[in-house]
Amino acid sequence: MKATECIPVENWDLWYDLFKRSKGWFVSRPFAGKDDILVHYAFDDIDSANELDANYRRLTTPIVETRRGFWKKFKRKLRIKK
């Protein structure tokens, strides 16, 4: 399985660390642009590629905290009392 991806420069070290631990190899040398690094890589099996992608997305996805509003808290208290 071959893939081509643009990795943001600020996430390159993280992605490269994850890639080294996987069982993949570079098809061509990574090309550094202004904001992104273009990589062309390959894997023998699809499971390793999926694991790399899942780990990278898990580590780079921003965490969004939400707060409950007054009405949601009030409705929850009403449900508990029933």
Protein backbone atom coordinates (compact mmCIF):
# COMPACT_ATOMS: atom_id res chain seq x y z
CA MET A 1 0.00 0.00 0.00
CA LYS A 2 1.39 3.40 -1.01
CA ALA A 3 0.31 6.78 0.29
CA THR A 4 1.14 10.43 -0.23
CA GLU A 5 0.49 12.96 2.48
CA CYS A 6 1.24 16.57 3.40
CA ILE A 7 2.40 16.83 7.00
CA PRO A 8 2.46 20.29 8.66
CA VAL A 9 6.00 21.37 9.55
CA GLU A 10 5.13 21.75 13.24
CA ASN A 11 3.96 18.09 13.39
CA TRP A 12 6.82 16.60 11.37
CA ASP A 13 8.86 15.32 14.35
CA LEU A 14 5.82 13.59 15.83
CA TRP A 15 4.81 12.00 12.53
CA TYR A 16 8.37 10.88 11.76
CA ASP A 17 8.69 9.27 15.20
CA LEU A 18 5.48 7.33 14.65
CA PHE A 19 6.59 6.38 11.14
CA LYS A 20 9.95 5.03 12.33
CA ARG A 21 8.13 2.73 14.79
CA SER A 22 5.83 1.41 12.08
CA LYS A 23 6.86 -1.09 9.43
CA GLY A 24 6.90 1.34 6.53
CA TRP A 25 9.46 2.88 4.22
CA PHE A 26 9.79 6.02 2.14
CA VAL A 27 9.20 5.63 -1.58
CA SER A 28 10.88 8.97 -2.23
CA ARG A 29 12.71 11.54 -0.16
CA PRO A 30 10.39 13.89 1.82
CA PHE A 31 9.99 17.27 0.13
CA ALA A 32 9.92 20.28 2.44
CA GLY A 33 7.70 23.15 1.36
CA LYS A 34 6.93 26.42 3.12
CA ASP A 35 4.19 25.13 5.44
CA ASP A 36 4.04 21.39 4.73
CA ILE A 37 6.30 18.43 4.11
CA LEU A 38 5.22 16.14 1.28
CA VAL A 39 5.92 12.46 2.02
CA HIS A 40 5.41 9.45 -0.23
CA TYR A 41 5.61 6.19 1.74
CA ALA A 42 4.56 2.54 1.56
CA PHE A 43 3.58 -0.35 3.81
CA ASP A 44 3.43 -4.12 3.32
CA ASP A 45 0.14 -4.45 5.16
CA ILE A 46 -2.83 -2.15 5.57
CA ASP A 47 -2.96 -2.65 9.38
CA SER A 48 0.35 -0.86 9.92
CA ALA A 49 -0.78 2.03 7.73
CA ASN A 50 -4.08 2.31 9.61
CA GLU A 51 -2.27 2.21 12.95
CA LEU A 52 0.09 5.03 11.89
CA ASP A 53 -2.83 7.15 10.69
CA ALA A 54 -4.91 6.49 13.83
CA ASN A 55 -2.02 7.30 16.19
CA TYR A 56 -1.13 10.48 14.32
CA ARG A 57 -4.73 11.73 14.26
CA ARG A 58 -5.21 10.84 17.94
CA LEU A 59 -2.15 12.88 18.94
CA THR A 60 -2.85 15.92 16.73
CA THR A 61 -6.60 16.32 17.16
CA PRO A 62 -7.30 19.27 19.47
CA ILE A 63 -9.20 18.56 22.66
CA VAL A 64 -12.39 20.58 22.93
CA GLU A 65 -13.82 21.01 26.40
CA THR A 66 -17.50 21.70 26.72
CA ARG A 67 -19.47 23.03 29.64
CA ARG A 68 -23.06 22.29 30.41
CA GLY A 69 -25.38 25.22 30.48
CA PHE A 70 -27.85 25.93 33.25
CA TRP A 71 -30.82 24.32 31.46
CA LYS A 72 -28.95 21.10 30.71
CA LYS A 73 -27.93 20.80 34.36
CA PHE A 74 -31.48 21.52 35.45
CA LYS A 75 -32.95 18.87 33.10
CA ARG A 76 -30.42 16.32 34.33
CA LYS A 77 -31.41 16.96 37.95
CA LEU A 78 -35.07 16.48 37.05
CA ARG A 79 -34.30 13.12 35.36
CA ILE A 80 -32.38 11.84 38.38
CA LYS A 81 -35.23 12.59 40.78
CA LYS A 82 -37.78 10.57 38.78
